[in-house]
């Protein structure tokens, strides 16, 4: 029912309520947003182009060239430079070897520009091939990938990283999966987020914790600080447009890097597909998008001192 209702929404309404979650059309919009976040708030970004499931080589090559352009433009910037990409946009559905070669081209280019790359995780149909490619190329390239706590297999996937010092973005995941392979209650997914954060850190991996839930940010932080993990081994990541300014500021003051996912699009139709998927997973985005819109209008009227969200260090 939720899927049906979201898909009934006209595209212009999706765009209006959720536009805060996308930096805009074109590379320059994303770089401008990333630059502003860093200069104003010392918040880092990971820039990603929306669009996936490319099925012809001509479109794949356009995407590779677009990432080359992004890397070239980022080379002149002073903020922390980080991009993410999807295997389906690099031709994995055409041919795996072809996809790997395209990924290598981007990794080589990014290495020259000192830009970190994260290999995004897509739905469960791509989990095995994504991890296979990641583990094979990790021996020669310094880059990261994503694990989704909703999948039953994720603990085994973490154990399967033994011998590699990886960087893992840990999130509950946005793709709806069958209950035979995944948890269907968000509480279970978030509990696993804390459990797997600990497991990854105990096995010497760097963890990027991606959640907007204050409760689970605090619980993960308590596990991190109980184990005296160096803040450089952990990041806290959020989506662009979700109003979490206070806790982001407190995490930065505590010595942790905060990073926002900053997507851009080459056409709004790709952004609309992304936003619909986010709305299906989290319908409160409509409410949060409205808050963001009102907050930008009334921000000067709402400044006040509040008690900290994060508990004091022990």
C-alpha atoms as a PDB file:
ATOM      1  CA  UNK A   1       0.000   0.000   0.000  1.00  0.00           C
ATOM      2  CA  UNK A   2       2.806   2.415   0.915  1.00  0.00           C
ATOM      3  CA  UNK A   3       4.560   1.707  -2.400  1.00  0.00           C
ATOM      4  CA  UNK A   4       1.294   2.242  -4.264  1.00  0.00           C
ATOM      5  CA  UNK A   5       0.583   5.608  -2.614  1.00  0.00           C
ATOM      6  CA  UNK A   6       4.105   6.953  -3.138  1.00  0.00           C
ATOM      7  CA  UNK A   7       4.042   5.929  -6.796  1.00  0.00           C
ATOM      8  CA  UNK A   8       0.718   7.778  -7.187  1.00  0.00           C
ATOM      9  CA  UNK A   9       2.331  11.068  -6.162  1.00  0.00           C
ATOM     10  CA  UNK A  10       2.886  13.357  -9.163  1.00  0.00           C
ATOM     11  CA  UNK A  11       6.554  13.945  -9.966  1.00  0.00           C
ATOM     12  CA  UNK A  12       6.275  17.676  -9.282  1.00  0.00           C
ATOM     13  CA  UNK A  13       5.087  16.986  -5.716  1.00  0.00           C
ATOM     14  CA  UNK A  14       7.891  14.502  -5.106  1.00  0.00           C
ATOM     15  CA  UNK A  15      10.349  17.097  -6.391  1.00  0.00           C
ATOM     16  CA  UNK A  16       8.889  19.887  -4.233  1.00  0.00           C
ATOM     17  CA  UNK A  17       8.831  18.031  -0.936  1.00  0.00           C
ATOM     18  CA  UNK A  18      12.063  16.084  -1.400  1.00  0.00           C
ATOM     19  CA  UNK A  19      14.238  18.452  -3.431  1.00  0.00           C
ATOM     20  CA  UNK A  20      16.322  19.238  -0.329  1.00  0.00           C
ATOM     21  CA  UNK A  21      17.743  15.710  -0.649  1.00  0.00           C
ATOM     22  CA  UNK A  22      19.339  16.421  -4.055  1.00  0.00           C
ATOM     23  CA  UNK A  23      21.951  19.127  -4.675  1.00  0.00           C
ATOM     24  CA  UNK A  24      20.641  19.867  -8.180  1.00  0.00           C
ATOM     25  CA  UNK A  25      21.300  19.184 -11.850  1.00  0.00           C
ATOM     26  CA  UNK A  26      24.929  18.874 -12.897  1.00  0.00           C
ATOM     27  CA  UNK A  27      28.338  18.409 -11.300  1.00  0.00           C
ATOM     28  CA  UNK A  28      28.754  22.067 -10.382  1.00  0.00           C
ATOM     29  CA  UNK A  29      25.678  22.010  -8.117  1.00  0.00           C
ATOM     30  CA  UNK A  30      27.119  19.124  -6.109  1.00  0.00           C
ATOM     31  CA  UNK A  31      30.568  20.698  -5.778  1.00  0.00           C
ATOM     32  CA  UNK A  32      29.068  24.028  -4.761  1.00  0.00           C
ATOM     33  CA  UNK A  33      27.004  22.303  -2.053  1.00  0.00           C
ATOM     34  CA  UNK A  34      29.992  20.263  -0.815  1.00  0.00           C
ATOM     35  CA  UNK A  35      32.178  23.376  -0.689  1.00  0.00           C
ATOM     36  CA  UNK A  36      29.560  25.300   1.282  1.00  0.00           C
ATOM     37  CA  UNK A  37      29.053  22.478   3.791  1.00  0.00           C
ATOM     38  CA  UNK A  38      32.787  22.312   4.489  1.00  0.00           C
ATOM     39  CA  UNK A  39      33.484  26.048   4.669  1.00  0.00           C
ATOM     40  CA  UNK A  40      30.425  26.861   6.762  1.00  0.00           C
ATOM     41  CA  UNK A  41      30.100  23.833   9.050  1.00  0.00           C
ATOM     42  CA  UNK A  42      33.207  21.633   8.558  1.00  0.00           C
ATOM     43  CA  UNK A  43      30.898  18.898   7.272  1.00  0.00           C
ATOM     44  CA  UNK A  44      32.398  16.622   4.619  1.00  0.00           C
ATOM     45  CA  UNK A  45      30.511  15.221   1.617  1.00  0.00           C
ATOM     46  CA  UNK A  46      30.389  12.189  -0.604  1.00  0.00           C
ATOM     47  CA  UNK A  47      29.238  13.172  -4.086  1.00  0.00           C
ATOM     48  CA  UNK A  48      27.206  10.706  -6.114  1.00  0.00           C
ATOM     49  CA  UNK A  49      25.435  10.810  -9.461  1.00  0.00           C
ATOM     50  CA  UNK A  50      21.871   9.510  -9.388  1.00  0.00           C
ATOM     51  CA  UNK A  51      21.053   6.897 -11.993  1.00  0.00           C
ATOM     52  CA  UNK A  52      21.595   3.162 -12.160  1.00  0.00           C
ATOM     53  CA  UNK A  53      20.771  -0.021 -14.092  1.00  0.00           C
ATOM     54  CA  UNK A  54      22.422   1.149 -17.297  1.00  0.00           C
ATOM     55  CA  UNK A  55      22.081  -1.538 -19.960  1.00  0.00           C
ATOM     56  CA  UNK A  56      24.084  -0.261 -22.930  1.00  0.00           C
ATOM     57  CA  UNK A  57      27.780   0.497 -23.338  1.00  0.00           C
ATOM     58  CA  UNK A  58      27.230   3.942 -24.832  1.00  0.00           C
ATOM     59  CA  UNK A  59      25.460   5.189 -21.691  1.00  0.00           C
ATOM     60  CA  UNK A  60      28.044   3.527 -19.442  1.00  0.00           C
ATOM     61  CA  UNK A  61      30.823   5.401 -21.224  1.00  0.00           C
ATOM     62  CA  UNK A  62      28.963   8.677 -20.723  1.00  0.00           C
ATOM     63  CA  UNK A  63      28.801   7.954 -17.009  1.00  0.00           C
ATOM     64  CA  UNK A  64      32.502   7.080 -16.820  1.00  0.00           C
ATOM     65  CA  UNK A  65      33.356  10.336 -18.595  1.00  0.00           C
ATOM     66  CA  UNK A  66      31.063  12.235 -16.263  1.00  0.00           C
ATOM     67  CA  UNK A  67      32.934  10.807 -13.274  1.00  0.00           C
ATOM     68  CA  UNK A  68      36.207  11.802 -14.934  1.00  0.00           C
ATOM     69  CA  UNK A  69      34.854  15.352 -15.205  1.00  0.00           C
ATOM     70  CA  UNK A  70      33.797  15.260 -11.555  1.00  0.00           C
ATOM     71  CA  UNK A  71      37.241  14.058 -10.473  1.00  0.00           C
ATOM     72  CA  UNK A  72      38.976  16.732 -12.573  1.00  0.00           C
ATOM     73  CA  UNK A  73      36.861  19.478 -11.015  1.00  0.00           C
ATOM     74  CA  UNK A  74      37.303  18.133  -7.494  1.00  0.00           C
ATOM     75  CA  UNK A  75      41.094  18.154  -7.919  1.00  0.00           C
ATOM     76  CA  UNK A  76      41.035  21.950  -7.516  1.00  0.00           C
ATOM     77  CA  UNK A  77      39.020  21.908  -4.279  1.00  0.00           C
ATOM     78  CA  UNK A  78      40.344  22.079  -0.712  1.00  0.00           C
ATOM     79  CA  UNK A  79      37.562  20.216   1.103  1.00  0.00           C
ATOM     80  CA  UNK A  80      37.761  16.428   1.785  1.00  0.00           C
ATOM     81  CA  UNK A  81      37.125  14.789  -1.590  1.00  0.00           C
ATOM     82  CA  UNK A  82      34.959  11.700  -1.676  1.00  0.00           C
ATOM     83  CA  UNK A  83      32.744  10.201  -4.398  1.00  0.00           C
ATOM     84  CA  UNK A  84      30.523   7.136  -4.624  1.00  0.00           C
ATOM     85  CA  UNK A  85      29.261   5.089  -7.550  1.00  0.00           C
ATOM     86  CA  UNK A  86      27.204   2.039  -8.439  1.00  0.00           C
ATOM     87  CA  UNK A  87      28.192  -1.074 -10.361  1.00  0.00           C
ATOM     88  CA  UNK A  88      24.950  -1.007 -12.333  1.00  0.00           C
ATOM     89  CA  UNK A  89      25.970   2.377 -13.741  1.00  0.00           C
ATOM     90  CA  UNK A  90      29.331   0.915 -14.824  1.00  0.00           C
ATOM     91  CA  UNK A  91      27.922  -1.978 -16.828  1.00  0.00           C
ATOM     92  CA  UNK A  92      27.803  -4.953 -14.456  1.00  0.00           C
ATOM     93  CA  UNK A  93      24.542  -6.061 -16.110  1.00  0.00           C
ATOM     94  CA  UNK A  94      26.301  -6.027 -19.489  1.00  0.00           C
ATOM     95  CA  UNK A  95      29.451  -7.924 -18.510  1.00  0.00           C
ATOM     96  CA  UNK A  96      31.310  -8.268 -15.220  1.00  0.00           C
ATOM     97  CA  UNK A  97      34.799  -7.927 -16.705  1.00  0.00           C
ATOM     98  CA  UNK A  98      33.689  -4.849 -18.641  1.00  0.00           C
ATOM     99  CA  UNK A  99      32.348  -3.346 -15.406  1.00  0.00           C
ATOM    100  CA  UNK A 100      35.566  -4.100 -13.499  1.00  0.00           C
ATOM    101  CA  UNK A 101      37.640  -2.382 -16.173  1.00  0.00           C
ATOM    102  CA  UNK A 102      35.429   0.714 -15.968  1.00  0.00           C
ATOM    103  CA  UNK A 103      35.720   0.754 -12.194  1.00  0.00           C
ATOM    104  CA  UNK A 104      39.503   0.453 -12.443  1.00  0.00           C
ATOM    105  CA  UNK A 105      39.607   3.440 -14.804  1.00  0.00           C
ATOM    106  CA  UNK A 106      37.757   5.566 -12.256  1.00  0.00           C
ATOM    107  CA  UNK A 107      39.822   4.290  -9.316  1.00  0.00           C
ATOM    108  CA  UNK A 108      43.053   5.115 -11.158  1.00  0.00           C
ATOM    109  CA  UNK A 109      41.808   8.603 -11.986  1.00  0.00           C
ATOM    110  CA  UNK A 110      40.593   9.179  -8.428  1.00  0.00           C
ATOM    111  CA  UNK A 111      43.909   8.004  -6.992  1.00  0.00           C
ATOM    112  CA  UNK A 112      45.736  10.623  -9.047  1.00  0.00           C
ATOM    113  CA  UNK A 113      43.440  13.321  -7.678  1.00  0.00           C
ATOM    114  CA  UNK A 114      43.616  12.002  -4.076  1.00  0.00           C
ATOM    115  CA  UNK A 115      39.873  11.381  -4.100  1.00  0.00           C
ATOM    116  CA  UNK A 116      38.380   8.548  -2.060  1.00  0.00           C
ATOM    117  CA  UNK A 117      35.835   6.266  -3.749  1.00  0.00           C
ATOM    118  CA  UNK A 118      33.029   4.279  -2.140  1.00  0.00           C
ATOM    119  CA  UNK A 119      31.422   1.448  -4.093  1.00  0.00           C
ATOM    120  CA  UNK A 120      27.713   1.697  -3.305  1.00  0.00           C
ATOM    121  CA  UNK A 121      25.626  -1.322  -2.427  1.00  0.00           C
ATOM    122  CA  UNK A 122      22.416  -1.901  -4.372  1.00  0.00           C
ATOM    123  CA  UNK A 123      19.660  -4.445  -3.855  1.00  0.00           C
ATOM    124  CA  UNK A 124      20.423  -7.996  -2.748  1.00  0.00           C
ATOM    125  CA  UNK A 125      20.744  -9.242  -6.334  1.00  0.00           C
ATOM    126  CA  UNK A 126      24.059  -7.365  -6.462  1.00  0.00           C
ATOM    127  CA  UNK A 127      25.462  -8.009  -2.978  1.00  0.00           C
ATOM    128  CA  UNK A 128      27.651 -10.980  -3.896  1.00  0.00           C
ATOM    129  CA  UNK A 129      29.099  -9.499  -7.083  1.00  0.00           C
ATOM    130  CA  UNK A 130      29.738  -6.144  -5.375  1.00  0.00           C
ATOM    131  CA  UNK A 131      31.669  -7.766  -2.525  1.00  0.00           C
ATOM    132  CA  UNK A 132      33.525 -10.067  -4.914  1.00  0.00           C
ATOM    133  CA  UNK A 133      34.714  -7.137  -7.030  1.00  0.00           C
ATOM    134  CA  UNK A 134      35.479  -5.030  -3.974  1.00  0.00           C
ATOM    135  CA  UNK A 135      37.607  -7.679  -2.273  1.00  0.00           C
ATOM    136  CA  UNK A 136      39.535  -8.448  -5.456  1.00  0.00           C
ATOM    137  CA  UNK A 137      40.327  -4.799  -6.238  1.00  0.00           C
ATOM    138  CA  UNK A 138      40.934  -3.799  -2.596  1.00  0.00           C
ATOM    139  CA  UNK A 139      44.329  -5.500  -2.827  1.00  0.00           C
ATOM    140  CA  UNK A 140      45.469  -2.815  -5.280  1.00  0.00           C
ATOM    141  CA  UNK A 141      43.251   0.187  -4.538  1.00  0.00           C
ATOM    142  CA  UNK A 142      42.330   2.051  -1.356  1.00  0.00           C
ATOM    143  CA  UNK A 143      38.547   2.422  -1.506  1.00  0.00           C
ATOM    144  CA  UNK A 144      35.429   1.488   0.436  1.00  0.00           C
ATOM    145  CA  UNK A 145      32.056  -0.189   0.068  1.00  0.00           C
ATOM    146  CA  UNK A 146      28.704  -0.522   1.839  1.00  0.00           C
ATOM    147  CA  UNK A 147      26.997  -3.206   3.918  1.00  0.00           C
ATOM    148  CA  UNK A 148      23.290  -3.210   4.765  1.00  0.00           C
ATOM    149  CA  UNK A 149      22.242  -4.397   8.210  1.00  0.00           C
ATOM    150  CA  UNK A 150      18.790  -5.517   7.048  1.00  0.00           C
ATOM    151  CA  UNK A 151      20.246  -8.551   5.261  1.00  0.00           C
ATOM    152  CA  UNK A 152      20.662 -11.797   7.226  1.00  0.00           C
ATOM    153  CA  UNK A 153      23.957 -12.454   5.414  1.00  0.00           C
ATOM    154  CA  UNK A 154      25.749  -9.294   6.595  1.00  0.00           C
ATOM    155  CA  UNK A 155      27.488 -10.796   9.625  1.00  0.00           C
ATOM    156  CA  UNK A 156      29.007 -13.502   7.419  1.00  0.00           C
ATOM    157  CA  UNK A 157      29.980 -10.832   4.900  1.00  0.00           C
ATOM    158  CA  UNK A 158      31.868  -8.954   7.637  1.00  0.00           C
ATOM    159  CA  UNK A 159      33.661 -12.131   8.690  1.00  0.00           C
ATOM    160  CA  UNK A 160      34.488 -12.665   5.008  1.00  0.00           C
ATOM    161  CA  UNK A 161      36.485  -9.421   5.016  1.00  0.00           C
ATOM    162  CA  UNK A 162      39.160 -11.029   7.197  1.00  0.00           C
ATOM    163  CA  UNK A 163      42.653 -10.161   6.014  1.00  0.00           C
ATOM    164  CA  UNK A 164      41.567  -6.867   4.469  1.00  0.00           C
ATOM    165  CA  UNK A 165      41.605  -3.545   6.285  1.00  0.00           C
ATOM    166  CA  UNK A 166      38.472  -2.101   4.758  1.00  0.00           C
ATOM    167  CA  UNK A 167      36.357   0.992   5.041  1.00  0.00           C
ATOM    168  CA  UNK A 168      32.680   0.076   5.328  1.00  0.00           C
ATOM    169  CA  UNK A 169      29.682   2.364   5.174  1.00  0.00           C
ATOM    170  CA  UNK A 170      27.164   0.655   7.440  1.00  0.00           C
ATOM    171  CA  UNK A 171      23.478   1.452   6.913  1.00  0.00           C
ATOM    172  CA  UNK A 172      20.140  -0.290   7.222  1.00  0.00           C
ATOM    173  CA  UNK A 173      19.651  -0.064   3.445  1.00  0.00           C
ATOM    174  CA  UNK A 174      16.908   1.504   1.364  1.00  0.00           C
ATOM    175  CA  UNK A 175      15.906  -1.458  -0.828  1.00  0.00           C
ATOM    176  CA  UNK A 176      12.835  -3.485   0.133  1.00  0.00           C
ATOM    177  CA  UNK A 177      13.917  -7.130   0.448  1.00  0.00           C
ATOM    178  CA  UNK A 178      12.042 -10.412   0.855  1.00  0.00           C
ATOM    179  CA  UNK A 179      11.525 -11.476   4.465  1.00  0.00           C
ATOM    180  CA  UNK A 180      13.266 -14.783   3.694  1.00  0.00           C
ATOM    181  CA  UNK A 181      16.615 -12.943   3.406  1.00  0.00           C
ATOM    182  CA  UNK A 182      16.138  -9.757   5.408  1.00  0.00           C
ATOM    183  CA  UNK A 183      14.720  -8.262   8.580  1.00  0.00           C
ATOM    184  CA  UNK A 184      11.498  -6.369   7.970  1.00  0.00           C
ATOM    185  CA  UNK A 185      11.404  -4.389  11.243  1.00  0.00           C
ATOM    186  CA  UNK A 186      13.530  -1.266  11.399  1.00  0.00           C
ATOM    187  CA  UNK A 187      14.250  -1.859  15.088  1.00  0.00           C
ATOM    188  CA  UNK A 188      15.981  -5.136  14.204  1.00  0.00           C
ATOM    189  CA  UNK A 189      17.997  -3.453  11.438  1.00  0.00           C
ATOM    190  CA  UNK A 190      19.112  -0.682  13.800  1.00  0.00           C
ATOM    191  CA  UNK A 191      20.068  -3.123  16.553  1.00  0.00           C
ATOM    192  CA  UNK A 192      22.286  -4.849  14.004  1.00  0.00           C
ATOM    193  CA  UNK A 193      23.796  -1.469  13.118  1.00  0.00           C
ATOM    194  CA  UNK A 194      25.253  -1.229  16.628  1.00  0.00           C
ATOM    195  CA  UNK A 195      26.277  -4.895  16.705  1.00  0.00           C
ATOM    196  CA  UNK A 196      28.030  -4.744  13.330  1.00  0.00           C
ATOM    197  CA  UNK A 197      29.757  -1.445  14.145  1.00  0.00           C
ATOM    198  CA  UNK A 198      31.388  -3.205  17.076  1.00  0.00           C
ATOM    199  CA  UNK A 199      32.233  -6.294  15.005  1.00  0.00           C
ATOM    200  CA  UNK A 200      33.863  -4.237  12.242  1.00  0.00           C
ATOM    201  CA  UNK A 201      35.932  -2.178  14.682  1.00  0.00           C
ATOM    202  CA  UNK A 202      37.062  -5.288  16.578  1.00  0.00           C
ATOM    203  CA  UNK A 203      38.361  -6.607  13.255  1.00  0.00           C
ATOM    204  CA  UNK A 204      40.311  -3.401  12.470  1.00  0.00           C
ATOM    205  CA  UNK A 205      38.007  -2.020   9.808  1.00  0.00           C
ATOM    206  CA  UNK A 206      37.068   1.641   9.504  1.00  0.00           C
ATOM    207  CA  UNK A 207      33.335   2.233   9.924  1.00  0.00           C
ATOM    208  CA  UNK A 208      31.131   4.959   8.475  1.00  0.00           C
ATOM    209  CA  UNK A 209      27.918   4.813  10.500  1.00  0.00           C
ATOM    210  CA  UNK A 210      24.968   5.972   8.412  1.00  0.00           C
ATOM    211  CA  UNK A 211      21.777   6.581  10.387  1.00  0.00           C
ATOM    212  CA  UNK A 212      19.628   9.553  11.383  1.00  0.00           C
ATOM    213  CA  UNK A 213      18.299   7.921  14.542  1.00  0.00           C
ATOM    214  CA  UNK A 214      19.688   9.753  17.591  1.00  0.00           C
ATOM    215  CA  UNK A 215      19.151   6.732  19.834  1.00  0.00           C
ATOM    216  CA  UNK A 216      21.321   4.445  17.744  1.00  0.00           C
ATOM    217  CA  UNK A 217      23.955   7.103  17.076  1.00  0.00           C
ATOM    218  CA  UNK A 218      24.335   7.425  20.847  1.00  0.00           C
ATOM    219  CA  UNK A 219      24.462   3.653  21.355  1.00  0.00           C
ATOM    220  CA  UNK A 220      27.085   3.216  18.624  1.00  0.00           C
ATOM    221  CA  UNK A 221      29.080   6.119  20.061  1.00  0.00           C
ATOM    222  CA  UNK A 222      29.026   4.547  23.535  1.00  0.00           C
ATOM    223  CA  UNK A 223      30.421   1.292  22.126  1.00  0.00           C
ATOM    224  CA  UNK A 224      33.103   3.224  20.225  1.00  0.00           C
ATOM    225  CA  UNK A 225      34.217   5.283  23.219  1.00  0.00           C
ATOM    226  CA  UNK A 226      34.038   2.309  25.606  1.00  0.00           C
ATOM    227  CA  UNK A 227      36.618   0.612  23.392  1.00  0.00           C
ATOM    228  CA  UNK A 228      38.696   3.815  23.117  1.00  0.00           C
ATOM    229  CA  UNK A 229      38.573   3.689  19.321  1.00  0.00           C
ATOM    230  CA  UNK A 230      40.467   6.534  17.674  1.00  0.00           C
ATOM    231  CA  UNK A 231      37.958   9.007  16.136  1.00  0.00           C
ATOM    232  CA  UNK A 232      39.822   8.738  12.818  1.00  0.00           C
ATOM    233  CA  UNK A 233      38.488   5.168  12.490  1.00  0.00           C
ATOM    234  CA  UNK A 234      34.869   6.274  12.559  1.00  0.00           C
ATOM    235  CA  UNK A 235      32.612   8.634  10.623  1.00  0.00           C
ATOM    236  CA  UNK A 236      28.974   9.528  11.116  1.00  0.00           C
ATOM    237  CA  UNK A 237      27.079   9.927   7.852  1.00  0.00           C
ATOM    238  CA  UNK A 238      23.727  11.481   7.010  1.00  0.00           C
ATOM    239  CA  UNK A 239      21.622  12.242   3.947  1.00  0.00           C
ATOM    240  CA  UNK A 240      21.581  15.743   2.553  1.00  0.00           C
ATOM    241  CA  UNK A 241      18.323  17.475   3.502  1.00  0.00           C
ATOM    242  CA  UNK A 242      17.546  15.585   6.707  1.00  0.00           C
ATOM    243  CA  UNK A 243      17.527  18.151   9.576  1.00  0.00           C
ATOM    244  CA  UNK A 244      20.069  16.791  12.049  1.00  0.00           C
ATOM    245  CA  UNK A 245      22.131  19.953  12.594  1.00  0.00           C
ATOM    246  CA  UNK A 246      22.407  19.746  16.386  1.00  0.00           C
ATOM    247  CA  UNK A 247      23.719  16.206  16.633  1.00  0.00           C
ATOM    248  CA  UNK A 248      26.049  16.764  13.681  1.00  0.00           C
ATOM    249  CA  UNK A 249      27.533  19.789  15.427  1.00  0.00           C
ATOM    250  CA  UNK A 250      27.966  17.859  18.680  1.00  0.00           C
ATOM    251  CA  UNK A 251      29.706  14.977  16.900  1.00  0.00           C
ATOM    252  CA  UNK A 252      32.122  17.400  15.212  1.00  0.00           C
ATOM    253  CA  UNK A 253      32.850  19.087  18.548  1.00  0.00           C
ATOM    254  CA  UNK A 254      33.550  15.632  19.961  1.00  0.00           C
ATOM    255  CA  UNK A 255      36.243  15.074  17.324  1.00  0.00           C
ATOM    256  CA  UNK A 256      34.395  12.945  14.756  1.00  0.00           C
ATOM    257  CA  UNK A 257      34.070  13.638  11.046  1.00  0.00           C
ATOM    258  CA  UNK A 258      30.496  14.103   9.857  1.00  0.00           C
ATOM    259  CA  UNK A 259      29.743  13.473   6.185  1.00  0.00           C
ATOM    260  CA  UNK A 260      26.615  14.113   4.131  1.00  0.00           C
ATOM    261  CA  UNK A 261      25.584  12.134   1.063  1.00  0.00           C
ATOM    262  CA  UNK A 262      25.336  14.814  -1.651  1.00  0.00           C
ATOM    263  CA  UNK A 263      23.693  13.410  -4.795  1.00  0.00           C
ATOM    264  CA  UNK A 264      23.292  15.262  -8.069  1.00  0.00           C
ATOM    265  CA  UNK A 265      21.482  14.334 -11.244  1.00  0.00           C
ATOM    266  CA  UNK A 266      21.905  14.891 -14.953  1.00  0.00           C
ATOM    267  CA  UNK A 267      18.125  14.804 -15.435  1.00  0.00           C
ATOM    268  CA  UNK A 268      15.375  15.198 -12.846  1.00  0.00           C
ATOM    269  CA  UNK A 269      13.753  11.920 -13.917  1.00  0.00           C
ATOM    270  CA  UNK A 270      16.666  10.041 -12.307  1.00  0.00           C
ATOM    271  CA  UNK A 271      16.352  12.098  -9.141  1.00  0.00           C
ATOM    272  CA  UNK A 272      12.601  11.447  -8.972  1.00  0.00           C
ATOM    273  CA  UNK A 273      13.226   7.678  -9.054  1.00  0.00           C
ATOM    274  CA  UNK A 274      15.738   8.013  -6.196  1.00  0.00           C
ATOM    275  CA  UNK A 275      13.368  10.199  -4.178  1.00  0.00           C
ATOM    276  CA  UNK A 276      10.427   7.834  -4.644  1.00  0.00           C
ATOM    277  CA  UNK A 277      12.573   4.964  -3.351  1.00  0.00           C
ATOM    278  CA  UNK A 278      13.532   7.032  -0.314  1.00  0.00           C
ATOM    279  CA  UNK A 279       9.898   7.955   0.322  1.00  0.00           C
ATOM    280  CA  UNK A 280       8.782   4.317   0.141  1.00  0.00           C
ATOM    281  CA  UNK A 281      11.429   3.397   2.687  1.00  0.00           C
ATOM    282  CA  UNK A 282      10.787   6.446   4.865  1.00  0.00           C
ATOM    283  CA  UNK A 283       7.522   8.370   4.246  1.00  0.00           C
ATOM    284  CA  UNK A 284       8.501  10.863   6.977  1.00  0.00           C
ATOM    285  CA  UNK A 285      10.784  12.406   4.342  1.00  0.00           C
ATOM    286  CA  UNK A 286       7.731  14.456   3.295  1.00  0.00           C
ATOM    287  CA  UNK A 287       7.533  15.856   6.820  1.00  0.00           C
ATOM    288  CA  UNK A 288      11.305  16.341   7.072  1.00  0.00           C
ATOM    289  CA  UNK A 289      11.402  18.024   3.684  1.00  0.00           C
ATOM    290  CA  UNK A 290       8.727  20.426   4.898  1.00  0.00           C
ATOM    291  CA  UNK A 291      10.755  21.098   8.047  1.00  0.00           C
ATOM    292  CA  UNK A 292      13.825  21.816   5.954  1.00  0.00           C
ATOM    293  CA  UNK A 293      11.842  24.243   3.782  1.00  0.00           C
ATOM    294  CA  UNK A 294      10.374  26.067   6.803  1.00  0.00           C
ATOM    295  CA  UNK A 295      13.681  25.974   8.641  1.00  0.00           C
ATOM    296  CA  UNK A 296      15.447  27.841   5.854  1.00  0.00           C
ATOM    297  CA  UNK A 297      12.749  30.525   6.034  1.00  0.00           C
ATOM    298  CA  UNK A 298      12.465  30.873   9.798  1.00  0.00           C
ATOM    299  CA  UNK A 299      15.959  29.854  10.939  1.00  0.00           C
ATOM    300  CA  UNK A 300      16.806  33.325  12.333  1.00  0.00           C
ATOM    301  CA  UNK A 301      13.710  33.131  14.568  1.00  0.00           C
ATOM    302  CA  UNK A 302      14.394  29.690  16.021  1.00  0.00           C
ATOM    303  CA  UNK A 303      17.893  29.977  17.454  1.00  0.00           C
ATOM    304  CA  UNK A 304      17.967  29.025  21.130  1.00  0.00           C
ATOM    305  CA  UNK A 305      20.160  27.181  23.580  1.00  0.00           C
ATOM    306  CA  UNK A 306      19.187  23.562  24.130  1.00  0.00           C
ATOM    307  CA  UNK A 307      20.559  20.735  26.190  1.00  0.00           C
ATOM    308  CA  UNK A 308      23.093  18.530  24.333  1.00  0.00           C
ATOM    309  CA  UNK A 309      21.788  15.414  22.570  1.00  0.00           C
ATOM    310  CA  UNK A 310      24.937  13.356  23.144  1.00  0.00           C
ATOM    311  CA  UNK A 311      25.709  12.176  26.690  1.00  0.00           C
ATOM    312  CA  UNK A 312      29.000  13.340  28.261  1.00  0.00           C
ATOM    313  CA  UNK A 313      32.099  11.208  27.787  1.00  0.00           C
ATOM    314  CA  UNK A 314      32.757   8.685  30.515  1.00  0.00           C
END
